[in-house]
Amino acid sequence: MVFQDHKVQEAADKYLGPQYTQHNPHVPDGVKPFTDYFIPHFKENPEARSEIKRAVAEGDLVVLHVHSKMNKADRGSAIVDIFRVEKGRIVEHWDVIQAIPEKVANSNTMF
């Protein structure tokens, strides 16, 4: 809902827990800081989209391997998001982000 449809507030209300711990250094802890960060981000970047390539769930953790692009011309980034879930709500988030380079040393993709 957030990164594909840009429904930030709706997704936050539905999926984030009341206590939300954020490990991304650019986004503060909490639901309101999350929405305050991403609502303007998508207004400034209306073509931004993310495609989930893989999902893994184990216990209270969900891991997503994501291809995120700011627009159609953008090469994008490979992202691994890790979410901790309590009572069906996301309560903690980590991510690792790697820009997709123009030249690579092998014929494999990052996905």
PDB file of N, CA and C in Angstrom:
ATOM      1  N   MET A   1       0.816  -1.202   0.000  1.00  0.00           N
ATOM      2  CA  MET A   1       0.000   0.000   0.000  1.00  0.00           C
ATOM      3  C   MET A   1       0.857   1.262   0.000  1.00  0.00           C
ATOM      4  N   VAL A   2       1.945   1.240   0.751  1.00  0.00           N
ATOM      5  CA  VAL A   2       2.776   2.444   0.865  1.00  0.00           C
ATOM      6  C   VAL A   2       3.596   2.657  -0.393  1.00  0.00           C
ATOM      7  N   PHE A   3       4.396   1.689  -0.766  1.00  0.00           N
ATOM      8  CA  PHE A   3       5.404   1.910  -1.798  1.00  0.00           C
ATOM      9  C   PHE A   3       4.915   1.626  -3.209  1.00  0.00           C
ATOM     10  N   GLN A   4       3.764   1.039  -3.354  1.00  0.00           N
ATOM     11  CA  GLN A   4       3.208   0.809  -4.681  1.00  0.00           C
ATOM     12  C   GLN A   4       2.059   1.785  -4.965  1.00  0.00           C
ATOM     13  N   ASP A   5       1.171   1.934  -3.989  1.00  0.00           N
ATOM     14  CA  ASP A   5      -0.030   2.745  -4.183  1.00  0.00           C
ATOM     15  C   ASP A   5       0.034   4.109  -3.507  1.00  0.00           C
ATOM     16  N   HIS A   6       1.073   4.340  -2.695  1.00  0.00           N
ATOM     17  CA  HIS A   6       1.288   5.609  -1.986  1.00  0.00           C
ATOM     18  C   HIS A   6       0.152   5.941  -1.017  1.00  0.00           C
ATOM     19  N   LYS A   7      -0.484   4.928  -0.478  1.00  0.00           N
ATOM     20  CA  LYS A   7      -1.539   5.104   0.529  1.00  0.00           C
ATOM     21  C   LYS A   7      -0.900   5.021   1.915  1.00  0.00           C
ATOM     22  N   VAL A   8      -0.102   6.019   2.233  1.00  0.00           N
ATOM     23  CA  VAL A   8       0.729   6.001   3.434  1.00  0.00           C
ATOM     24  C   VAL A   8      -0.119   5.988   4.703  1.00  0.00           C
ATOM     25  N   GLN A   9      -1.022   6.932   4.841  1.00  0.00           N
ATOM     26  CA  GLN A   9      -1.817   7.025   6.070  1.00  0.00           C
ATOM     27  C   GLN A   9      -2.702   5.802   6.249  1.00  0.00           C
ATOM     28  N   GLU A  10      -3.340   5.363   5.179  1.00  0.00           N
ATOM     29  CA  GLU A  10      -4.214   4.189   5.251  1.00  0.00           C
ATOM     30  C   GLU A  10      -3.427   2.946   5.676  1.00  0.00           C
ATOM     31  N   ALA A  11      -2.245   2.768   5.103  1.00  0.00           N
ATOM     32  CA  ALA A  11      -1.415   1.613   5.453  1.00  0.00           C
ATOM     33  C   ALA A  11      -0.925   1.713   6.891  1.00  0.00           C
ATOM     34  N   ALA A  12      -0.510   2.895   7.304  1.00  0.00           N
ATOM     35  CA  ALA A  12      -0.032   3.081   8.680  1.00  0.00           C
ATOM     36  C   ALA A  12      -1.140   2.764   9.676  1.00  0.00           C
ATOM     37  N   ASP A  13      -2.344   3.260   9.418  1.00  0.00           N
ATOM     38  CA  ASP A  13      -3.473   3.003  10.312  1.00  0.00           C
ATOM     39  C   ASP A  13      -3.799   1.512  10.398  1.00  0.00           C
ATOM     40  N   LYS A  14      -3.647   0.818   9.295  1.00  0.00           N
ATOM     41  CA  LYS A  14      -4.031  -0.591   9.228  1.00  0.00           C
ATOM     42  C   LYS A  14      -2.929  -1.542   9.704  1.00  0.00           C
ATOM     43  N   TYR A  15      -1.652  -1.211   9.429  1.00  0.00           N
ATOM     44  CA  TYR A  15      -0.588  -2.198   9.614  1.00  0.00           C
ATOM     45  C   TYR A  15       0.486  -1.851  10.639  1.00  0.00           C
ATOM     46  N   LEU A  16       0.626  -0.587  11.039  1.00  0.00           N
ATOM     47  CA  LEU A  16       1.670  -0.257  12.011  1.00  0.00           C
ATOM     48  C   LEU A  16       1.129  -0.344  13.423  1.00  0.00           C
ATOM     49  N   GLY A  17       1.972  -0.870  14.321  1.00  0.00           N
ATOM     50  CA  GLY A  17       1.592  -0.945  15.723  1.00  0.00           C
ATOM     51  C   GLY A  17       1.688   0.421  16.383  1.00  0.00           C
ATOM     52  N   PRO A  18       1.067   0.571  17.565  1.00  0.00           N
ATOM     53  CA  PRO A  18       1.095   1.859  18.250  1.00  0.00           C
ATOM     54  C   PRO A  18       2.507   2.290  18.650  1.00  0.00           C
ATOM     55  N   GLN A  19       3.360   1.326  18.925  1.00  0.00           N
ATOM     56  CA  GLN A  19       4.781   1.594  19.174  1.00  0.00           C
ATOM     57  C   GLN A  19       5.546   1.065  17.973  1.00  0.00           C
ATOM     58  N   TYR A  20       6.135   1.965  17.188  1.00  0.00           N
ATOM     59  CA  TYR A  20       6.810   1.579  15.946  1.00  0.00           C
ATOM     60  C   TYR A  20       8.262   2.029  16.028  1.00  0.00           C
ATOM     61  N   THR A  21       9.183   1.065  16.047  1.00  0.00           N
ATOM     62  CA  THR A  21      10.614   1.349  16.134  1.00  0.00           C
ATOM     63  C   THR A  21      11.218   1.269  14.749  1.00  0.00           C
ATOM     64  N   GLN A  22      11.893   2.340  14.352  1.00  0.00           N
ATOM     65  CA  GLN A  22      12.461   2.457  13.006  1.00  0.00           C
ATOM     66  C   GLN A  22      13.989   2.457  13.100  1.00  0.00           C
ATOM     67  N   HIS A  23      14.640   1.576  12.322  1.00  0.00           N
ATOM     68  CA  HIS A  23      16.095   1.510  12.317  1.00  0.00           C
ATOM     69  C   HIS A  23      16.713   2.185  11.090  1.00  0.00           C
ATOM     70  N   ASN A  24      15.901   2.634  10.146  1.00  0.00           N
ATOM     71  CA  ASN A  24      16.409   3.424   9.017  1.00  0.00           C
ATOM     72  C   ASN A  24      16.846   4.769   9.581  1.00  0.00           C
ATOM     73  N   PRO A  25      18.095   5.193   9.339  1.00  0.00           N
ATOM     74  CA  PRO A  25      18.589   6.420   9.961  1.00  0.00           C
ATOM     75  C   PRO A  25      17.934   7.704   9.447  1.00  0.00           C
ATOM     76  N   HIS A  26      17.132   7.627   8.406  1.00  0.00           N
ATOM     77  CA  HIS A  26      16.497   8.821   7.841  1.00  0.00           C
ATOM     78  C   HIS A  26      15.063   9.033   8.323  1.00  0.00           C
ATOM     79  N   VAL A  27      14.503   8.051   9.039  1.00  0.00           N
ATOM     80  CA  VAL A  27      13.101   8.120   9.453  1.00  0.00           C
ATOM     81  C   VAL A  27      13.037   7.949  10.976  1.00  0.00           C
ATOM     82  N   PRO A  28      12.399   8.888  11.678  1.00  0.00           N
ATOM     83  CA  PRO A  28      12.283   8.761  13.138  1.00  0.00           C
ATOM     84  C   PRO A  28      11.350   7.624  13.558  1.00  0.00           C
ATOM     85  N   ASP A  29      11.439   7.225  14.825  1.00  0.00           N
ATOM     86  CA  ASP A  29      10.519   6.248  15.419  1.00  0.00           C
ATOM     87  C   ASP A  29       9.109   6.815  15.448  1.00  0.00           C
ATOM     88  N   GLY A  30       8.127   5.932  15.398  1.00  0.00           N
ATOM     89  CA  GLY A  30       6.738   6.318  15.588  1.00  0.00           C
ATOM     90  C   GLY A  30       5.935   6.334  14.304  1.00  0.00           C
ATOM     91  N   VAL A  31       4.620   6.202  14.458  1.00  0.00           N
ATOM     92  CA  VAL A  31       3.713   6.174  13.315  1.00  0.00           C
ATOM     93  C   VAL A  31       3.630   7.549  12.650  1.00  0.00           C
ATOM     94  N   LYS A  32       3.436   8.616  13.427  1.00  0.00           N
ATOM     95  CA  LYS A  32       3.315   9.951  12.844  1.00  0.00           C
ATOM     96  C   LYS A  32       4.595  10.364  12.103  1.00  0.00           C
ATOM     97  N   PRO A  33       5.788  10.160  12.670  1.00  0.00           N
ATOM     98  CA  PRO A  33       6.989  10.479  11.894  1.00  0.00           C
ATOM     99  C   PRO A  33       7.098   9.676  10.594  1.00  0.00           C
ATOM    100  N   PHE A  34       6.626   8.422  10.616  1.00  0.00           N
ATOM    101  CA  PHE A  34       6.611   7.600   9.403  1.00  0.00           C
ATOM    102  C   PHE A  34       5.744   8.265   8.330  1.00  0.00           C
ATOM    103  N   THR A  35       4.522   8.627   8.698  1.00  0.00           N
ATOM    104  CA  THR A  35       3.632   9.254   7.712  1.00  0.00           C
ATOM    105  C   THR A  35       4.134  10.642   7.324  1.00  0.00           C
ATOM    106  N   ASP A  36       4.676  11.394   8.279  1.00  0.00           N
ATOM    107  CA  ASP A  36       5.211  12.729   7.980  1.00  0.00           C
ATOM    108  C   ASP A  36       6.388  12.658   7.012  1.00  0.00           C
ATOM    109  N   TYR A  37       7.130  11.567   7.027  1.00  0.00           N
ATOM    110  CA  TYR A  37       8.260  11.385   6.111  1.00  0.00           C
ATOM    111  C   TYR A  37       7.777  10.946   4.723  1.00  0.00           C
ATOM    112  N   PHE A  38       6.894   9.938   4.679  1.00  0.00           N
ATOM    113  CA  PHE A  38       6.565   9.328   3.391  1.00  0.00           C
ATOM    114  C   PHE A  38       5.469  10.041   2.596  1.00  0.00           C
ATOM    115  N   ILE A  39       4.531  10.698   3.238  1.00  0.00           N
ATOM    116  CA  ILE A  39       3.502  11.417   2.474  1.00  0.00           C
ATOM    117  C   ILE A  39       4.136  12.479   1.578  1.00  0.00           C
ATOM    118  N   PRO A  40       5.005  13.375   2.095  1.00  0.00           N
ATOM    119  CA  PRO A  40       5.659  14.347   1.197  1.00  0.00           C
ATOM    120  C   PRO A  40       6.605  13.690   0.187  1.00  0.00           C
ATOM    121  N   HIS A  41       7.256  12.591   0.607  1.00  0.00           N
ATOM    122  CA  HIS A  41       8.179  11.887  -0.298  1.00  0.00           C
ATOM    123  C   HIS A  41       7.449  11.456  -1.572  1.00  0.00           C
ATOM    124  N   PHE A  42       6.262  10.889  -1.426  1.00  0.00           N
ATOM    125  CA  PHE A  42       5.534  10.418  -2.605  1.00  0.00           C
ATOM    126  C   PHE A  42       4.857  11.549  -3.364  1.00  0.00           C
ATOM    127  N   LYS A  43       4.559  12.643  -2.706  1.00  0.00           N
ATOM    128  CA  LYS A  43       4.052  13.825  -3.426  1.00  0.00           C
ATOM    129  C   LYS A  43       5.138  14.380  -4.334  1.00  0.00           C
ATOM    130  N   GLU A  44       6.385  14.350  -3.860  1.00  0.00           N
ATOM    131  CA  GLU A  44       7.527  14.824  -4.649  1.00  0.00           C
ATOM    132  C   GLU A  44       7.975  13.802  -5.687  1.00  0.00           C
ATOM    133  N   ASN A  45       7.647  12.541  -5.495  1.00  0.00           N
ATOM    134  CA  ASN A  45       8.073  11.444  -6.381  1.00  0.00           C
ATOM    135  C   ASN A  45       6.876  10.575  -6.758  1.00  0.00           C
ATOM    136  N   PRO A  46       5.921  11.114  -7.516  1.00  0.00           N
ATOM    137  CA  PRO A  46       4.686  10.372  -7.799  1.00  0.00           C
ATOM    138  C   PRO A  46       4.878   9.109  -8.631  1.00  0.00           C
ATOM    139  N   GLU A  47       6.006   8.989  -9.343  1.00  0.00           N
ATOM    140  CA  GLU A  47       6.257   7.788 -10.153  1.00  0.00           C
ATOM    141  C   GLU A  47       6.980   6.691  -9.372  1.00  0.00           C
ATOM    142  N   ALA A  48       7.379   6.957  -8.141  1.00  0.00           N
ATOM    143  CA  ALA A  48       8.126   5.972  -7.353  1.00  0.00           C
ATOM    144  C   ALA A  48       7.286   4.713  -7.159  1.00  0.00           C
ATOM    145  N   ARG A  49       7.914   3.568  -7.374  1.00  0.00           N
ATOM    146  CA  ARG A  49       7.242   2.278  -7.213  1.00  0.00           C
ATOM    147  C   ARG A  49       8.252   1.253  -6.692  1.00  0.00           C
ATOM    148  N   SER A  50       7.741   0.260  -6.012  1.00  0.00           N
ATOM    149  CA  SER A  50       8.560  -0.842  -5.518  1.00  0.00           C
ATOM    150  C   SER A  50       7.899  -2.155  -5.896  1.00  0.00           C
ATOM    151  N   GLU A  51       8.714  -3.117  -6.266  1.00  0.00           N
ATOM    152  CA  GLU A  51       8.223  -4.442  -6.632  1.00  0.00           C
ATOM    153  C   GLU A  51       8.855  -5.472  -5.702  1.00  0.00           C
ATOM    154  N   ILE A  52       8.022  -6.214  -4.992  1.00  0.00           N
ATOM    155  CA  ILE A  52       8.516  -7.265  -4.108  1.00  0.00           C
ATOM    156  C   ILE A  52       8.921  -8.455  -4.967  1.00  0.00           C
ATOM    157  N   LYS A  53      10.182  -8.847  -4.843  1.00  0.00           N
ATOM    158  CA  LYS A  53      10.704  -9.987  -5.607  1.00  0.00           C
ATOM    159  C   LYS A  53      10.653 -11.280  -4.794  1.00  0.00           C
ATOM    160  N   ARG A  54      10.858 -11.178  -3.490  1.00  0.00           N
ATOM    161  CA  ARG A  54      10.836 -12.343  -2.614  1.00  0.00           C
ATOM    162  C   ARG A  54      10.285 -11.934  -1.257  1.00  0.00           C
ATOM    163  N   ALA A  55       9.633 -12.865  -0.590  1.00  0.00           N
ATOM    164  CA  ALA A  55       9.146 -12.654   0.776  1.00  0.00           C
ATOM    165  C   ALA A  55       9.428 -13.905   1.588  1.00  0.00           C
ATOM    166  N   VAL A  56       9.907 -13.707   2.801  1.00  0.00           N
ATOM    167  CA  VAL A  56      10.203 -14.805   3.714  1.00  0.00           C
ATOM    168  C   VAL A  56       9.607 -14.436   5.065  1.00  0.00           C
ATOM    169  N   ALA A  57       8.937 -15.386   5.697  1.00  0.00           N
ATOM    170  CA  ALA A  57       8.384 -15.155   7.026  1.00  0.00           C
ATOM    171  C   ALA A  57       8.814 -16.290   7.942  1.00  0.00           C
ATOM    172  N   GLU A  58       9.258 -15.911   9.132  1.00  0.00           N
ATOM    173  CA  GLU A  58       9.640 -16.899  10.134  1.00  0.00           C
ATOM    174  C   GLU A  58       9.385 -16.300  11.509  1.00  0.00           C
ATOM    175  N   GLY A  59       8.571 -16.974  12.286  1.00  0.00           N
ATOM    176  CA  GLY A  59       8.241 -16.460  13.616  1.00  0.00           C
ATOM    177  C   GLY A  59       7.590 -15.087  13.508  1.00  0.00           C
ATOM    178  N   ASP A  60       8.151 -14.114  14.210  1.00  0.00           N
ATOM    179  CA  ASP A  60       7.594 -12.763  14.195  1.00  0.00           C
ATOM    180  C   ASP A  60       8.282 -11.835  13.192  1.00  0.00           C
ATOM    181  N   LEU A  61       9.081 -12.417  12.275  1.00  0.00           N
ATOM    182  CA  LEU A  61       9.810 -11.618  11.290  1.00  0.00           C
ATOM    183  C   LEU A  61       9.314 -11.876   9.869  1.00  0.00           C
ATOM    184  N   VAL A  62       9.257 -10.805   9.091  1.00  0.00           N
ATOM    185  CA  VAL A  62       8.964 -10.880   7.663  1.00  0.00           C
ATOM    186  C   VAL A  62      10.082 -10.143   6.946  1.00  0.00           C
ATOM    187  N   VAL A  63      10.650 -10.789   5.920  1.00  0.00           N
ATOM    188  CA  VAL A  63      11.743 -10.205   5.145  1.00  0.00           C
ATOM    189  C   VAL A  63      11.295 -10.072   3.694  1.00  0.00           C
ATOM    190  N   LEU A  64      11.489  -8.881   3.124  1.00  0.00           N
ATOM    191  CA  LEU A  64      11.150  -8.639   1.723  1.00  0.00           C
ATOM    192  C   LEU A  64      12.403  -8.257   0.948  1.00  0.00           C
ATOM    193  N   HIS A  65      12.552  -8.812  -0.246  1.00  0.00           N
ATOM    194  CA  HIS A  65      13.598  -8.426  -1.199  1.00  0.00           C
ATOM    195  C   HIS A  65      12.890  -7.608  -2.260  1.00  0.00           C
ATOM    196  N   VAL A  66      13.252  -6.330  -2.387  1.00  0.00           N
ATOM    197  CA  VAL A  66      12.454  -5.369  -3.140  1.00  0.00           C
ATOM    198  C   VAL A  66      13.302  -4.638  -4.184  1.00  0.00           C
ATOM    199  N   HIS A  67      12.711  -4.398  -5.354  1.00  0.00           N
ATOM    200  CA  HIS A  67      13.303  -3.526  -6.371  1.00  0.00           C
ATOM    201  C   HIS A  67      12.532  -2.210  -6.318  1.00  0.00           C
ATOM    202  N   SER A  68      13.207  -1.158  -5.902  1.00  0.00           N
ATOM    203  CA  SER A  68      12.574   0.149  -5.731  1.00  0.00           C
ATOM    204  C   SER A  68      13.126   1.122  -6.766  1.00  0.00           C
ATOM    205  N   LYS A  69      12.215   1.848  -7.438  1.00  0.00           N
ATOM    206  CA  LYS A  69      12.610   2.822  -8.456  1.00  0.00           C
ATOM    207  C   LYS A  69      11.879   4.137  -8.203  1.00  0.00           C
ATOM    208  N   MET A  70      12.578   5.248  -8.403  1.00  0.00           N
ATOM    209  CA  MET A  70      11.974   6.564  -8.219  1.00  0.00           C
ATOM    210  C   MET A  70      11.123   6.967  -9.416  1.00  0.00           C
ATOM    211  N   ASN A  71      11.475   6.445 -10.592  1.00  0.00           N
ATOM    212  CA  ASN A  71      10.706   6.715 -11.817  1.00  0.00           C
ATOM    213  C   ASN A  71      11.069   5.644 -12.837  1.00  0.00           C
ATOM    214  N   LYS A  72      10.439   5.679 -14.000  1.00  0.00           N
ATOM    215  CA  LYS A  72      10.648   4.636 -15.013  1.00  0.00           C
ATOM    216  C   LYS A  72      12.072   4.604 -15.548  1.00  0.00           C
ATOM    217  N   ALA A  73      12.761   5.742 -15.557  1.00  0.00           N
ATOM    218  CA  ALA A  73      14.128   5.806 -16.077  1.00  0.00           C
ATOM    219  C   ALA A  73      15.172   5.397 -15.039  1.00  0.00           C
ATOM    220  N   ASP A  74      14.794   5.336 -13.782  1.00  0.00           N
ATOM    221  CA  ASP A  74      15.714   5.020 -12.693  1.00  0.00           C
ATOM    222  C   ASP A  74      16.097   3.548 -12.709  1.00  0.00           C
ATOM    223  N   ARG A  75      17.381   3.269 -12.564  1.00  0.00           N
ATOM    224  CA  ARG A  75      17.874   1.899 -12.455  1.00  0.00           C
ATOM    225  C   ARG A  75      17.372   1.279 -11.149  1.00  0.00           C
ATOM    226  N   GLY A  76      17.292   2.093 -10.131  1.00  0.00           N
ATOM    227  CA  GLY A  76      16.700   1.668  -8.877  1.00  0.00           C
ATOM    228  C   GLY A  76      17.678   1.167  -7.842  1.00  0.00           C
ATOM    229  N   SER A  77      17.117   0.611  -6.791  1.00  0.00           N
ATOM    230  CA  SER A  77      17.884   0.063  -5.681  1.00  0.00           C
ATOM    231  C   SER A  77      17.337  -1.312  -5.320  1.00  0.00           C
ATOM    232  N   ALA A  78      18.232  -2.152  -4.843  1.00  0.00           N
ATOM    233  CA  ALA A  78      17.844  -3.438  -4.264  1.00  0.00           C
ATOM    234  C   ALA A  78      17.729  -3.206  -2.759  1.00  0.00           C
ATOM    235  N   ILE A  79      16.593  -3.556  -2.205  1.00  0.00           N
ATOM    236  CA  ILE A  79      16.348  -3.307  -0.790  1.00  0.00           C
ATOM    237  C   ILE A  79      15.942  -4.610  -0.114  1.00  0.00           C
ATOM    238  N   VAL A  80      16.466  -4.820   1.075  1.00  0.00           N
ATOM    239  CA  VAL A  80      15.993  -5.889   1.944  1.00  0.00           C
ATOM    240  C   VAL A  80      15.371  -5.206   3.149  1.00  0.00           C
ATOM    241  N   ASP A  81      14.065  -5.396   3.302  1.00  0.00           N
ATOM    242  CA  ASP A  81      13.324  -4.873   4.453  1.00  0.00           C
ATOM    243  C   ASP A  81      13.076  -6.012   5.421  1.00  0.00           C
ATOM    244  N   ILE A  82      13.289  -5.734   6.707  1.00  0.00           N
ATOM    245  CA  ILE A  82      13.002  -6.710   7.756  1.00  0.00           C
ATOM    246  C   ILE A  82      11.990  -6.074   8.700  1.00  0.00           C
ATOM    247  N   PHE A  83      10.878  -6.757   8.908  1.00  0.00           N
ATOM    248  CA  PHE A  83       9.823  -6.257   9.778  1.00  0.00           C
ATOM    249  C   PHE A  83       9.610  -7.233  10.928  1.00  0.00           C
ATOM    250  N   ARG A  84       9.438  -6.692  12.130  1.00  0.00           N
ATOM    251  CA  ARG A  84       9.018  -7.507  13.271  1.00  0.00           C
ATOM    252  C   ARG A  84       7.551  -7.206  13.514  1.00  0.00           C
ATOM    253  N   VAL A  85       6.767  -8.260  13.685  1.00  0.00           N
ATOM    254  CA  VAL A  85       5.319  -8.139  13.783  1.00  0.00           C
ATOM    255  C   VAL A  85       4.852  -8.636  15.151  1.00  0.00           C
ATOM    256  N   GLU A  86       3.924  -7.883  15.746  1.00  0.00           N
ATOM    257  CA  GLU A  86       3.248  -8.296  16.984  1.00  0.00           C
ATOM    258  C   GLU A  86       1.754  -8.115  16.788  1.00  0.00           C
ATOM    259  N   LYS A  87       0.982  -9.136  17.101  1.00  0.00           N
ATOM    260  CA  LYS A  87      -0.482  -9.070  17.007  1.00  0.00           C
ATOM    261  C   LYS A  87      -0.947  -8.560  15.651  1.00  0.00           C
ATOM    262  N   GLY A  88      -0.268  -9.006  14.574  1.00  0.00           N
ATOM    263  CA  GLY A  88      -0.654  -8.654  13.216  1.00  0.00           C
ATOM    264  C   GLY A  88      -0.265  -7.253  12.775  1.00  0.00           C
ATOM    265  N   ARG A  89       0.544  -6.556  13.567  1.00  0.00           N
ATOM    266  CA  ARG A  89       0.969  -5.183  13.235  1.00  0.00           C
ATOM    267  C   ARG A  89       2.491  -5.095  13.195  1.00  0.00           C
ATOM    268  N   ILE A  90       2.997  -4.256  12.303  1.00  0.00           N
ATOM    269  CA  ILE A  90       4.442  -4.029  12.221  1.00  0.00           C
ATOM    270  C   ILE A  90       4.851  -3.125  13.373  1.00  0.00           C
ATOM    271  N   VAL A  91       5.811  -3.592  14.172  1.00  0.00           N
ATOM    272  CA  VAL A  91       6.254  -2.818  15.330  1.00  0.00           C
ATOM    273  C   VAL A  91       7.730  -2.416  15.244  1.00  0.00           C
ATOM    274  N   GLU A  92       8.449  -2.982  14.250  1.00  0.00           N
ATOM    275  CA  GLU A  92       9.865  -2.644  14.117  1.00  0.00           C
ATOM    276  C   GLU A  92      10.303  -2.885  12.676  1.00  0.00           C
ATOM    277  N   HIS A  93      11.225  -2.043  12.193  1.00  0.00           N
ATOM    278  CA  HIS A  93      11.677  -2.125  10.793  1.00  0.00           C
ATOM    279  C   HIS A  93      13.167  -1.843  10.684  1.00  0.00           C
ATOM    280  N   TRP A  94      13.832  -2.685   9.881  1.00  0.00           N
ATOM    281  CA  TRP A  94      15.222  -2.474   9.476  1.00  0.00           C
ATOM    282  C   TRP A  94      15.260  -2.534   7.959  1.00  0.00           C
ATOM    283  N   ASP A  95      16.241  -1.888   7.338  1.00  0.00           N
ATOM    284  CA  ASP A  95      16.432  -2.065   5.899  1.00  0.00           C
ATOM    285  C   ASP A  95      17.894  -1.927   5.521  1.00  0.00           C
ATOM    286  N   VAL A  96      18.207  -2.570   4.409  1.00  0.00           N
ATOM    287  CA  VAL A  96      19.528  -2.479   3.788  1.00  0.00           C
ATOM    288  C   VAL A  96      19.271  -2.108   2.339  1.00  0.00           C
ATOM    289  N   ILE A  97      19.920  -1.031   1.881  1.00  0.00           N
ATOM    290  CA  ILE A  97      19.644  -0.502   0.546  1.00  0.00           C
ATOM    291  C   ILE A  97      20.943  -0.446  -0.260  1.00  0.00           C
ATOM    292  N   GLN A  98      20.883  -0.981  -1.491  1.00  0.00           N
ATOM    293  CA  GLN A  98      22.048  -0.997  -2.373  1.00  0.00           C
ATOM    294  C   GLN A  98      21.626  -0.496  -3.749  1.00  0.00           C
ATOM    295  N   ALA A  99      22.269   0.576  -4.212  1.00  0.00           N
ATOM    296  CA  ALA A  99      21.982   1.096  -5.554  1.00  0.00           C
ATOM    297  C   ALA A  99      22.376   0.056  -6.600  1.00  0.00           C
ATOM    298  N   ILE A 100      21.584  -0.031  -7.652  1.00  0.00           N
ATOM    299  CA  ILE A 100      21.892  -0.952  -8.743  1.00  0.00           C
ATOM    300  C   ILE A 100      22.888  -0.250  -9.666  1.00  0.00           C
ATOM    301  N   PRO A 101      24.099  -0.810  -9.816  1.00  0.00           N
ATOM    302  CA  PRO A 101      25.128  -0.141 -10.612  1.00  0.00           C
ATOM    303  C   PRO A 101      24.882  -0.266 -12.112  1.00  0.00           C
ATOM    304  N   GLU A 102      25.472   0.653 -12.843  1.00  0.00           N
ATOM    305  CA  GLU A 102      25.363   0.613 -14.307  1.00  0.00           C
ATOM    306  C   GLU A 102      26.147  -0.564 -14.878  1.00  0.00           C
ATOM    307  N   LYS A 103      27.348  -0.796 -14.345  1.00  0.00           N
ATOM    308  CA  LYS A 103      28.197  -1.902 -14.805  1.00  0.00           C
ATOM    309  C   LYS A 103      28.352  -2.900 -13.672  1.00  0.00           C
ATOM    310  N   VAL A 104      28.295  -4.194 -14.026  1.00  0.00           N
ATOM    311  CA  VAL A 104      28.429  -5.263 -13.048  1.00  0.00           C
ATOM    312  C   VAL A 104      29.524  -6.230 -13.475  1.00  0.00           C
ATOM    313  N   ALA A 105      30.043  -6.984 -12.505  1.00  0.00           N
ATOM    314  CA  ALA A 105      31.149  -7.907 -12.762  1.00  0.00           C
ATOM    315  C   ALA A 105      30.694  -9.280 -13.201  1.00  0.00           C
ATOM    316  N   ASN A 106      29.379  -9.509 -13.294  1.00  0.00           N
ATOM    317  CA  ASN A 106      28.870 -10.815 -13.710  1.00  0.00           C
ATOM    318  C   ASN A 106      27.572 -10.611 -14.479  1.00  0.00           C
ATOM    319  N   SER A 107      27.007 -11.696 -14.971  1.00  0.00           N
ATOM    320  CA  SER A 107      25.775 -11.590 -15.762  1.00  0.00           C
ATOM    321  C   SER A 107      24.525 -11.842 -14.911  1.00  0.00           C
ATOM    322  N   ASN A 108      24.689 -11.945 -13.609  1.00  0.00           N
ATOM    323  CA  ASN A 108      23.550 -12.157 -12.716  1.00  0.00           C
ATOM    324  C   ASN A 108      22.858 -10.821 -12.450  1.00  0.00           C
ATOM    325  N   THR A 109      21.580 -10.866 -12.176  1.00  0.00           N
ATOM    326  CA  THR A 109      20.894  -9.645 -11.753  1.00  0.00           C
ATOM    327  C   THR A 109      20.924  -9.587 -10.232  1.00  0.00           C
ATOM    328  N   MET A 110      20.510  -8.469  -9.676  1.00  0.00           N
ATOM    329  CA  MET A 110      20.442  -8.361  -8.215  1.00  0.00           C
ATOM    330  C   MET A 110      19.158  -8.962  -7.690  1.00  0.00           C
ATOM    331  N   PHE A 111      18.324  -9.491  -8.603  1.00  0.00           N
ATOM    332  CA  PHE A 111      17.057 -10.080  -8.187  1.00  0.00           C
ATOM    333  C   PHE A 111      16.904 -11.486  -8.692  1.00  0.00           C
TER     334      PHE A 111
END
